[in-house]
Amino acid sequence: MSKHNNNNRRADAAPAPTDTPEQDYKVGPGRPPKEYRFKPGQSGNPKGLKRKPTDLKAALERALHEPIKLKQGERERTMTMAEAGIKQLVAQFVKGNHQARRDLIVLADKLGIDLMAGQQQALQEGVAANHEAILNAYVDRQYDRVVTRAPVFAPAELLDDDPQDQNQD
């Protein structure tokens, strides 16, 4: 028979009293004297366990590199959390989420990604030569409103205000 079988308890063994009078309480192993017992609500280790400082950068890097399985159609694909987050950010950007647009532009700038790559050629081809002339004229008119240009003087030989020529006449 096992020592831990509850059916083998002796009938004469009394359960441990929870609130015993002082004269019945026996001091011994696991039973400290009343003056040395922990007070209710007081910890046995008031200073507690010394915690190691958390390295947030390392924790973030570990979390971003954790693998995750995503289902794309019928296929299941494994990628990192960082890849999944960027895919989700781009998907929100495409849907028109303005916060995602802002975050994507900031992220691309920090990573040195040119979001307009390939677009410059399309813009150059889209603006015809006559449209460019119209745009240049408009910019010149707007520039004149903001900045006063210095007057242009004609060369001295074209001007008749030379005092020496007036005395000879």
Protein backbone atom coordinates (compact mmCIF):
# COMPACT_ATOMS: atom_id res chain seq x y z
CA MET A 1 0.00 0.00 0.00
CA SER A 2 1.03 3.55 -0.67
CA LYS A 3 2.02 6.00 2.02
CA HIS A 4 -0.06 8.71 0.32
CA ASN A 5 -3.33 6.87 0.33
CA ASN A 6 -5.91 8.96 2.15
CA ASN A 7 -7.94 5.88 3.09
CA ASN A 8 -5.14 4.71 5.40
CA ARG A 9 -5.45 7.64 7.74
CA ARG A 10 -5.61 6.78 11.31
CA ALA A 11 -8.89 7.53 12.90
CA ASP A 12 -7.29 8.87 16.03
CA ALA A 13 -5.18 11.48 14.14
CA ALA A 14 -6.81 14.85 14.52
CA PRO A 15 -6.67 17.41 11.71
CA ALA A 16 -4.20 20.25 12.24
CA PRO A 17 -5.97 23.00 14.13
CA THR A 18 -6.01 26.36 12.40
CA ASP A 19 -6.66 28.46 15.44
CA THR A 20 -5.19 26.77 18.46
CA PRO A 21 -4.93 28.27 21.92
CA GLU A 22 -1.44 29.27 23.03
CA GLN A 23 -1.09 26.42 25.55
CA ASP A 24 -1.90 23.72 22.91
CA TYR A 25 0.47 25.12 20.22
CA LYS A 26 3.73 23.17 19.99
CA VAL A 27 6.79 24.92 18.64
CA GLY A 28 8.85 22.80 16.24
CA PRO A 29 9.85 22.33 12.61
CA GLY A 30 7.44 24.36 10.47
CA ARG A 31 5.85 25.81 13.61
CA PRO A 32 7.74 28.97 14.65
CA PRO A 33 7.04 30.80 17.90
CA LYS A 34 4.31 33.41 17.69
CA GLU A 35 6.68 36.39 17.87
CA TYR A 36 8.60 35.14 14.78
CA ARG A 37 5.64 34.30 12.57
CA PHE A 38 4.84 36.46 9.53
CA LYS A 39 2.18 39.03 10.21
CA PRO A 40 -0.93 38.77 8.02
CA GLY A 41 -0.37 40.64 4.72
CA GLN A 42 3.39 40.85 5.26
CA SER A 43 5.80 39.14 2.87
CA GLY A 44 8.63 36.91 4.04
CA ASN A 45 10.89 38.70 1.55
CA PRO A 46 9.94 42.38 1.69
CA LYS A 47 12.62 43.51 -0.79
CA GLY A 48 11.50 40.89 -3.26
CA LEU A 49 13.38 39.25 -6.11
CA LYS A 50 15.86 41.47 -7.90
CA ARG A 51 14.62 41.86 -11.46
CA LYS A 52 16.99 42.02 -14.39
CA PRO A 53 16.56 45.16 -16.46
CA THR A 54 14.64 44.43 -19.65
CA ASP A 55 16.46 45.13 -22.89
CA LEU A 56 13.59 46.47 -24.99
CA LYS A 57 15.62 46.65 -28.18
CA ALA A 58 16.58 42.98 -27.96
CA ALA A 59 13.00 42.01 -27.06
CA LEU A 60 11.65 43.89 -30.08
CA GLU A 61 14.22 42.30 -32.39
CA ARG A 62 13.36 38.82 -31.08
CA ALA A 63 9.64 39.45 -31.55
CA LEU A 64 10.09 40.78 -35.09
CA HIS A 65 12.17 37.75 -36.11
CA GLU A 66 9.72 35.16 -34.79
CA PRO A 67 8.30 32.99 -37.56
CA ILE A 68 4.57 32.98 -38.26
CA LYS A 69 2.49 30.86 -40.63
CA LEU A 70 0.04 32.74 -42.84
CA LYS A 71 -2.48 31.31 -45.23
CA GLN A 72 -2.51 32.90 -48.68
CA GLY A 73 -5.33 31.33 -50.65
CA GLU A 74 -4.78 27.58 -50.47
CA ARG A 75 -1.07 27.83 -49.59
CA GLU A 76 0.44 28.22 -46.16
CA ARG A 77 3.52 30.43 -46.07
CA THR A 78 6.03 30.97 -43.26
CA MET A 79 7.49 34.44 -42.78
CA THR A 80 8.76 36.60 -39.96
CA MET A 81 6.53 38.87 -37.90
CA ALA A 82 8.31 41.90 -39.42
CA GLU A 83 7.49 40.78 -42.97
CA ALA A 84 3.87 40.13 -42.02
CA GLY A 85 3.59 43.56 -40.37
CA ILE A 86 5.03 45.34 -43.40
CA LYS A 87 2.66 43.46 -45.73
CA GLN A 88 -0.24 44.50 -43.53
CA LEU A 89 0.96 48.13 -43.47
CA VAL A 90 1.19 48.21 -47.27
CA ALA A 91 -2.27 46.64 -47.58
CA GLN A 92 -3.73 49.34 -45.31
CA PHE A 93 -1.91 52.01 -47.33
CA VAL A 94 -3.46 50.69 -50.53
CA LYS A 95 -6.92 50.81 -48.94
CA GLY A 96 -6.42 54.52 -48.26
CA ASN A 97 -5.66 54.53 -44.54
CA HIS A 98 -3.98 57.91 -43.91
CA GLN A 99 -2.13 56.72 -40.80
CA ALA A 100 -0.70 53.81 -42.79
CA ARG A 101 0.34 56.27 -45.53
CA ARG A 102 2.17 58.42 -42.99
CA ASP A 103 3.85 55.44 -41.33
CA LEU A 104 4.88 53.94 -44.67
CA ILE A 105 6.45 57.20 -45.86
CA VAL A 106 8.38 57.56 -42.57
CA LEU A 107 9.54 53.93 -42.70
CA ALA A 108 10.62 54.22 -46.34
CA ASP A 109 12.54 57.40 -45.55
CA LYS A 110 14.35 55.75 -42.61
CA LEU A 111 15.23 52.72 -44.73
CA GLY A 112 16.36 54.88 -47.68
CA ILE A 113 13.69 53.58 -50.07
CA ASP A 114 12.72 55.91 -52.94
CA LEU A 115 8.94 55.62 -53.23
CA MET A 116 9.00 57.63 -56.46
CA ALA A 117 11.49 55.32 -58.21
CA GLY A 118 10.32 54.78 -61.78
CA GLN A 119 7.74 57.53 -61.49
CA GLN A 120 10.02 60.34 -62.68
CA GLN A 121 10.26 58.86 -66.18
CA ALA A 122 6.49 58.50 -66.38
CA LEU A 123 6.04 62.10 -65.23
CA GLN A 124 8.52 63.38 -67.82
CA GLU A 125 6.78 61.51 -70.61
CA GLY A 126 3.37 62.66 -69.40
CA VAL A 127 4.17 66.36 -69.64
CA ALA A 128 4.32 67.33 -73.30
CA ALA A 129 6.56 70.16 -74.51
CA ASN A 130 3.66 72.60 -74.93
CA HIS A 131 2.37 71.80 -71.48
CA GLU A 132 5.81 72.47 -70.08
CA ALA A 133 5.84 75.94 -71.65
CA ILE A 134 2.45 76.71 -70.10
CA LEU A 135 3.66 75.55 -66.71
CA ASN A 136 6.85 77.62 -66.98
CA ALA A 137 4.88 80.76 -67.84
CA TYR A 138 2.59 80.18 -64.87
CA VAL A 139 5.57 79.71 -62.53
CA ASP A 140 7.13 82.95 -63.83
CA ARG A 141 3.90 84.89 -63.15
CA GLN A 142 3.66 83.46 -59.65
CA TYR A 143 7.33 84.23 -59.02
CA ASP A 144 6.78 87.88 -59.97
CA ARG A 145 4.04 88.15 -57.35
CA VAL A 146 6.33 86.96 -54.58
CA VAL A 147 9.74 88.37 -55.58
CA THR A 148 10.38 91.80 -57.07
CA ARG A 149 12.92 91.47 -59.85
CA ALA A 150 15.74 93.97 -60.19
CA PRO A 151 15.22 96.41 -63.08
CA VAL A 152 17.08 95.64 -66.28
CA PHE A 153 19.13 98.57 -67.65
CA ALA A 154 19.95 99.05 -71.28
CA PRO A 155 23.60 99.33 -72.33
CA ALA A 156 25.12 102.83 -72.00
CA GLU A 157 25.39 103.34 -75.79
CA LEU A 158 21.61 103.04 -76.16
CA LEU A 159 20.83 105.60 -73.50
CA ASP A 160 20.71 109.32 -74.45
CA ASP A 161 21.08 110.69 -70.98
CA ASP A 162 24.88 111.09 -71.17
CA PRO A 163 25.70 114.66 -69.99
CA GLN A 164 28.66 115.01 -72.36
CA ASP A 165 26.49 114.45 -75.44
CA GLN A 166 23.91 116.99 -74.26
CA ASN A 167 26.57 119.77 -73.90
CA GLN A 168 27.79 119.29 -77.47
CA ASP A 169 24.36 119.88 -78.98
